[in-house]
Amino acid sequence: MDKKAVKPSTILLYPDAQKILENAPNPLTAIQQYSEEIRFFKVNLDHTRLSLDQIELATFLYDKMLFLFERYYDAYEDVRFRESADKTDVMASFFKGLSFPMAKSHPHISFTYYSRLKSFYHFLEKTLTLVEYSMQTGDTRKLNTFYDIYGCKFITHTGRATADSDYPGAMDECYEILNDFITFIKEKGGELATPVSVGPSSDKVKEPYRVFVKDYFVNPKPNGYMSLHASFCIMLKGKKRYFEVQVETQWMASHSDDGGIWGHDQYKKESKKKILTLDPKRIFFPGFIYPADELGLFTKKLITKPKTYWAKA
């Protein structure tokens, strides 16, 4: 149910992420400390000048943030300690088992596949942006469809890096990959997550799946970004896991990677100002072998490295 909107002049308090990351002994502790401060703000809402409706919405949003942070903590912990003798990265094993069956069932399509964990920076930025949107509009649906902490991507190679308009079959291959991937996940016991809408999907998406697919081929983002997105929920080792799949052509991928004309950073510059600013040079975790950036705090952390399957002649 949507909540009543908070007046635009009212701003929720957020922990100082930069300060927490600078002083925490490791990334996992930093995530825990951020959550603890959110709980502190939530407990003290009654001492603010907010109305009862505003407190109700703010409490709901803080609870949602805590839920997302718990989910991200579990994911980050799995990836960080995947090589430990006493710990298994369930999602890494799951993602590794997806690409070969897809290649085997699509020998006529060349594609590259990889999976990743969303960086802490982009996770936090997206969380705060969605919370701000919910606070201003009272619409909490976008927060309820935040499933791309984990993600995997298929990049098809028809037409290589040339404009897809020159290769009418390129996008058809993407629809074929997506439809069959959805069917494959459902056969493994997974389900499509909450229905979403960015506009009507193409009839090339199978009818039962259309309300669950973000078809950015038919409905490009304002900056021109094009892709196919779908989110899933699957039970692994007794726990619900959520992830998103993206399917796009190589030409689209070359324009959406960091630095491309559809890139995330470029999109942020062209839209509203950033809600979060962190300086990676000021963050260092004592005792950790890797720099903070390689831990996935600022750049996505690969779970499975890109692997290309070429079409058979």
Protein backbone atom coordinates (compact mmCIF):
# COMPACT_ATOMS: atom_id res chain seq x y z
CA MET A 1 0.00 0.00 0.00
CA ASP A 2 1.29 3.44 -0.86
CA LYS A 3 1.94 5.80 2.03
CA LYS A 4 0.99 9.44 2.24
CA ALA A 5 3.66 11.77 0.92
CA VAL A 6 5.81 13.74 3.33
CA LYS A 7 5.93 17.48 2.65
CA PRO A 8 8.88 18.34 0.36
CA SER A 9 10.47 20.48 3.08
CA THR A 10 10.84 17.46 5.37
CA ILE A 11 14.13 15.56 4.99
CA LEU A 12 14.96 12.23 6.61
CA LEU A 13 18.26 12.03 8.49
CA TYR A 14 20.89 9.71 7.00
CA PRO A 15 24.12 8.45 8.58
CA ASP A 16 27.39 10.02 7.39
CA ALA A 17 28.59 7.23 5.09
CA GLN A 18 31.99 8.84 4.47
CA LYS A 19 32.74 9.12 8.19
CA ILE A 20 31.62 5.54 8.88
CA LEU A 21 33.72 4.10 6.04
CA GLU A 22 36.77 6.11 7.07
CA ASN A 23 36.68 4.80 10.65
CA ALA A 24 35.40 1.23 10.30
CA PRO A 25 37.93 -1.64 10.53
CA ASN A 26 36.37 -3.42 7.52
CA PRO A 27 33.51 -3.06 5.01
CA LEU A 28 31.13 -5.43 6.80
CA THR A 29 31.46 -3.48 10.06
CA ALA A 30 30.81 -0.27 8.12
CA ILE A 31 27.56 -1.70 6.76
CA GLN A 32 26.54 -2.80 10.27
CA GLN A 33 27.33 0.63 11.73
CA TYR A 34 25.30 2.37 9.02
CA SER A 35 22.35 0.14 9.92
CA GLU A 36 22.77 0.90 13.62
CA GLU A 37 22.59 4.64 12.95
CA ILE A 38 19.43 4.16 10.88
CA ARG A 39 17.88 2.35 13.88
CA PHE A 40 18.90 5.28 16.09
CA PHE A 41 17.18 7.79 13.78
CA LYS A 42 14.09 5.57 13.66
CA VAL A 43 13.83 5.30 17.46
CA ASN A 44 14.10 9.07 17.82
CA LEU A 45 11.40 9.95 15.27
CA ASP A 46 8.95 10.61 18.10
CA HIS A 47 11.13 13.50 19.24
CA THR A 48 10.88 15.29 15.91
CA ARG A 49 8.29 17.80 14.75
CA LEU A 50 6.90 15.45 12.13
CA SER A 51 3.17 14.78 11.97
CA LEU A 52 1.83 11.31 12.76
CA ASP A 53 1.45 10.57 9.03
CA GLN A 54 5.01 11.68 8.40
CA ILE A 55 6.34 9.56 11.28
CA GLU A 56 4.43 6.56 9.94
CA LEU A 57 5.97 6.97 6.49
CA ALA A 58 9.45 7.68 7.88
CA THR A 59 9.26 4.56 10.08
CA PHE A 60 8.24 2.49 7.08
CA LEU A 61 11.13 3.88 5.00
CA TYR A 62 13.71 3.29 7.71
CA ASP A 63 12.46 -0.30 8.09
CA LYS A 64 12.75 -0.78 4.34
CA MET A 65 16.31 0.58 4.39
CA LEU A 66 17.22 -1.83 7.21
CA PHE A 67 15.73 -4.73 5.23
CA LEU A 68 17.76 -3.80 2.14
CA PHE A 69 20.93 -3.36 4.20
CA GLU A 70 20.48 -6.79 5.75
CA ARG A 71 20.10 -8.29 2.27
CA TYR A 72 23.16 -6.44 1.00
CA TYR A 73 25.23 -7.43 4.06
CA ASP A 74 24.50 -11.12 3.42
CA ALA A 75 25.41 -10.77 -0.27
CA TYR A 76 28.60 -8.81 0.43
CA GLU A 77 29.67 -11.28 3.12
CA ASP A 78 29.20 -14.22 0.73
CA VAL A 79 31.28 -12.62 -2.01
CA ARG A 80 34.00 -11.32 0.34
CA PHE A 81 34.55 -14.70 1.95
CA ARG A 82 33.81 -16.97 -0.99
CA GLU A 83 37.30 -18.53 -0.77
CA SER A 84 37.11 -19.31 2.95
CA ALA A 85 37.19 -22.98 3.82
CA ASP A 86 34.13 -22.71 6.04
CA LYS A 87 31.97 -20.60 3.76
CA THR A 88 30.34 -21.19 0.37
CA ASP A 89 29.13 -18.45 -1.96
CA VAL A 90 25.76 -19.90 -2.90
CA MET A 91 25.04 -17.30 -5.57
CA ALA A 92 28.44 -17.76 -7.24
CA SER A 93 27.72 -21.47 -7.66
CA PHE A 94 24.24 -20.66 -8.92
CA PHE A 95 25.41 -18.07 -11.48
CA LYS A 96 28.19 -20.34 -12.75
CA GLY A 97 25.61 -22.95 -13.62
CA LEU A 98 23.50 -20.68 -15.84
CA SER A 99 25.63 -19.80 -18.85
CA PHE A 100 26.54 -23.21 -20.33
CA PRO A 101 22.94 -24.53 -20.53
CA MET A 102 21.93 -21.29 -22.27
CA ALA A 103 24.83 -21.62 -24.75
CA LYS A 104 23.99 -25.27 -25.38
CA SER A 105 20.34 -24.48 -26.13
CA HIS A 106 21.26 -21.47 -28.34
CA PRO A 107 24.14 -22.64 -30.55
CA HIS A 108 23.14 -20.10 -33.22
CA ILE A 109 23.68 -17.09 -30.92
CA SER A 110 27.04 -15.65 -29.84
CA PHE A 111 26.94 -14.03 -26.42
CA THR A 112 29.05 -12.98 -23.44
CA TYR A 113 27.82 -13.73 -19.94
CA TYR A 114 28.90 -12.52 -16.50
CA SER A 115 27.44 -11.88 -13.05
CA ARG A 116 28.17 -9.23 -10.44
CA LEU A 117 27.39 -7.83 -7.01
CA LYS A 118 26.29 -4.20 -7.00
CA SER A 119 28.95 -1.92 -5.52
CA PHE A 120 28.30 -0.58 -2.02
CA TYR A 121 28.38 2.99 -3.36
CA HIS A 122 25.74 2.38 -6.03
CA PHE A 123 23.67 0.26 -3.64
CA LEU A 124 23.64 3.07 -1.08
CA GLU A 125 23.03 5.74 -3.71
CA LYS A 126 20.09 3.84 -5.20
CA THR A 127 18.63 3.12 -1.76
CA LEU A 128 18.74 6.77 -0.73
CA THR A 129 17.38 7.95 -4.08
CA LEU A 130 14.41 5.56 -3.84
CA VAL A 131 13.77 6.57 -0.23
CA GLU A 132 13.80 10.25 -1.21
CA TYR A 133 11.40 9.53 -4.07
CA SER A 134 9.07 7.60 -1.75
CA MET A 135 9.19 10.35 0.85
CA GLN A 136 8.29 13.06 -1.66
CA THR A 137 5.58 11.14 -3.52
CA GLY A 138 4.28 8.60 -1.02
CA ASP A 139 4.80 5.94 -3.70
CA THR A 140 6.85 3.08 -2.19
CA ARG A 141 6.49 0.62 -5.07
CA LYS A 142 9.97 1.26 -6.47
CA LEU A 143 11.53 0.38 -3.12
CA ASN A 144 9.65 -2.91 -3.20
CA THR A 145 11.19 -3.81 -6.57
CA PHE A 146 14.85 -3.23 -5.66
CA TYR A 147 16.14 -6.66 -6.72
CA ASP A 148 19.41 -5.95 -8.53
CA ILE A 149 21.88 -6.28 -5.65
CA TYR A 150 22.87 -9.44 -7.53
CA GLY A 151 22.76 -9.37 -11.31
CA CYS A 152 23.80 -11.26 -14.42
CA LYS A 153 24.06 -10.05 -17.99
CA PHE A 154 23.91 -11.51 -21.49
CA ILE A 155 25.50 -9.47 -24.27
CA THR A 156 24.76 -10.76 -27.76
CA HIS A 157 27.29 -10.26 -30.56
CA THR A 158 25.15 -10.05 -33.70
CA GLY A 159 26.30 -6.93 -35.50
CA ARG A 160 29.23 -6.59 -33.05
CA ALA A 161 29.69 -2.91 -32.15
CA THR A 162 27.69 -1.51 -35.08
CA ALA A 163 24.35 0.25 -34.61
CA ASP A 164 21.67 -2.39 -34.07
CA SER A 165 19.37 -0.69 -36.53
CA ASP A 166 21.66 -2.16 -39.22
CA TYR A 167 20.99 -5.66 -37.85
CA PRO A 168 17.25 -6.17 -37.35
CA GLY A 169 17.84 -9.67 -35.96
CA ALA A 170 20.02 -8.42 -33.10
CA MET A 171 17.19 -7.43 -30.77
CA ASP A 172 15.22 -10.53 -31.74
CA GLU A 173 18.07 -12.62 -30.34
CA CYS A 174 17.86 -10.68 -27.08
CA TYR A 175 14.16 -11.42 -26.77
CA GLU A 176 14.84 -15.10 -27.50
CA ILE A 177 17.55 -15.25 -24.81
CA LEU A 178 15.30 -13.52 -22.26
CA ASN A 179 12.24 -15.69 -22.89
CA ASP A 180 14.24 -18.90 -22.66
CA PHE A 181 16.18 -17.71 -19.61
CA ILE A 182 12.92 -17.01 -17.77
CA THR A 183 11.65 -20.48 -18.65
CA PHE A 184 14.97 -22.01 -17.54
CA ILE A 185 14.89 -20.27 -14.14
CA LYS A 186 11.28 -21.31 -13.57
CA GLU A 187 12.28 -24.92 -14.32
CA LYS A 188 14.93 -24.60 -11.58
CA GLY A 189 12.24 -23.56 -9.10
CA GLY A 190 12.64 -19.79 -9.43
CA GLU A 191 9.88 -17.27 -9.99
CA LEU A 192 9.64 -13.85 -11.59
CA ALA A 193 9.59 -11.15 -8.92
CA THR A 194 7.02 -8.40 -8.44
CA PRO A 195 5.42 -7.11 -11.68
CA VAL A 196 6.97 -3.85 -12.86
CA SER A 197 6.20 -1.38 -15.61
CA VAL A 198 8.22 1.08 -17.64
CA GLY A 199 5.62 0.94 -20.39
CA PRO A 200 4.17 -1.81 -22.59
CA SER A 201 6.53 -4.64 -23.55
CA SER A 202 6.98 -5.90 -27.09
CA ASP A 203 4.84 -8.85 -28.17
CA LYS A 204 8.18 -10.62 -28.66
CA VAL A 205 8.19 -11.13 -24.88
CA LYS A 206 6.04 -14.16 -24.10
CA GLU A 207 2.60 -13.04 -22.93
CA PRO A 208 2.76 -14.48 -19.36
CA TYR A 209 6.09 -12.72 -18.79
CA ARG A 210 5.32 -9.24 -20.15
CA VAL A 211 4.18 -7.58 -16.92
CA PHE A 212 7.42 -8.69 -15.23
CA VAL A 213 9.82 -7.39 -17.90
CA LYS A 214 11.30 -3.91 -18.17
CA ASP A 215 11.47 -3.54 -21.94
CA TYR A 216 13.82 -0.62 -22.58
CA PHE A 217 13.93 -1.54 -26.27
CA VAL A 218 10.36 -0.31 -26.66
CA ASN A 219 10.65 2.24 -23.82
CA PRO A 220 14.23 3.66 -23.83
CA LYS A 221 15.32 5.69 -20.80
CA PRO A 222 15.55 9.49 -21.24
CA ASN A 223 19.30 9.21 -21.87
CA GLY A 224 18.76 6.64 -24.63
CA TYR A 225 19.62 3.54 -22.59
CA MET A 226 18.24 0.30 -24.07
CA SER A 227 18.16 -3.18 -22.54
CA LEU A 228 15.82 -5.93 -21.33
CA HIS A 229 15.52 -6.43 -17.56
CA ALA A 230 13.72 -9.06 -15.45
CA SER A 231 13.99 -9.86 -11.74
CA PHE A 232 13.72 -13.23 -10.02
CA CYS A 233 13.34 -14.87 -6.64
CA ILE A 234 14.73 -18.36 -6.05
CA MET A 235 15.10 -20.46 -2.91
CA LEU A 236 18.70 -21.62 -2.40
CA LYS A 237 19.94 -23.37 0.73
CA GLY A 238 16.70 -22.53 2.54
CA LYS A 239 16.90 -18.80 1.83
CA LYS A 240 15.18 -16.55 -0.71
CA ARG A 241 17.66 -14.98 -3.14
CA TYR A 242 16.81 -12.15 -5.52
CA PHE A 243 18.64 -11.19 -8.69
CA GLU A 244 18.17 -9.35 -11.96
CA VAL A 245 19.06 -10.39 -15.48
CA GLN A 246 19.86 -7.91 -18.24
CA VAL A 247 20.00 -8.78 -21.93
CA GLU A 248 21.38 -6.39 -24.55
CA THR A 249 23.44 -6.26 -27.72
CA GLN A 250 27.15 -5.49 -27.84
CA TRP A 251 26.42 -2.09 -29.38
CA MET A 252 24.09 -1.25 -26.49
CA ALA A 253 26.62 -2.52 -23.94
CA SER A 254 29.38 -0.37 -25.44
CA HIS A 255 27.21 2.70 -24.86
CA SER A 256 26.03 1.83 -21.34
CA ASP A 257 29.33 0.89 -19.68
CA ASP A 258 30.96 3.48 -17.40
CA GLY A 259 32.09 6.35 -19.56
CA GLY A 260 29.73 5.51 -22.42
CA ILE A 261 27.14 7.98 -23.64
CA TRP A 262 24.47 6.05 -21.71
CA GLY A 263 26.74 5.40 -18.73
CA HIS A 264 25.54 5.58 -15.14
CA ASP A 265 27.80 8.50 -14.22
CA GLN A 266 26.89 10.44 -17.35
CA TYR A 267 23.19 9.88 -16.64
CA LYS A 268 23.62 11.24 -13.12
CA LYS A 269 25.35 14.37 -14.45
CA GLU A 270 22.52 15.01 -16.87
CA SER A 271 19.79 14.46 -14.28
CA LYS A 272 19.46 15.73 -10.75
CA LYS A 273 22.48 16.22 -8.51
CA LYS A 274 23.89 13.19 -6.74
CA ILE A 275 22.39 12.38 -3.39
CA LEU A 276 25.59 10.72 -2.15
CA THR A 277 29.24 11.69 -2.40
CA LEU A 278 32.10 9.49 -1.19
CA ASP A 279 35.85 9.93 -1.61
CA PRO A 280 37.54 6.51 -2.05
CA LYS A 281 41.00 8.01 -1.44
CA ARG A 282 40.06 8.70 2.19
CA ILE A 283 38.92 5.14 2.90
CA PHE A 284 41.30 2.43 4.05
CA PHE A 285 40.57 -0.75 6.00
CA PRO A 286 43.51 -1.88 8.20
CA GLY A 287 44.48 -5.50 7.71
CA PHE A 288 42.77 -5.86 4.34
CA ILE A 289 45.00 -6.92 1.45
CA TYR A 290 42.94 -5.22 -1.25
CA PRO A 291 42.29 -1.51 -1.73
CA ALA A 292 38.73 -0.44 -0.93
CA ASP A 293 37.88 -0.13 -4.62
CA GLU A 294 38.73 -3.77 -5.30
CA LEU A 295 36.48 -4.82 -2.45
CA GLY A 296 33.54 -3.62 -4.51
CA LEU A 297 32.79 -0.50 -2.51
CA PHE A 298 32.89 1.76 -5.55
CA THR A 299 32.93 -0.57 -8.55
CA LYS A 300 30.81 -3.65 -9.14
CA LYS A 301 32.31 -6.89 -7.84
CA LEU A 302 32.38 -9.65 -10.45
CA ILE A 303 31.04 -12.99 -9.26
CA THR A 304 31.60 -14.85 -12.51
CA LYS A 305 34.07 -13.36 -14.99
CA PRO A 306 32.88 -12.56 -18.55
CA LYS A 307 32.81 -15.69 -20.69
CA THR A 308 31.97 -15.64 -24.40
CA TYR A 309 30.21 -18.45 -26.28
CA TRP A 310 30.53 -18.18 -30.06
CA ALA A 311 27.81 -19.42 -32.38
CA LYS A 312 28.51 -22.69 -34.10
CA ALA A 313 28.81 -22.56 -37.88
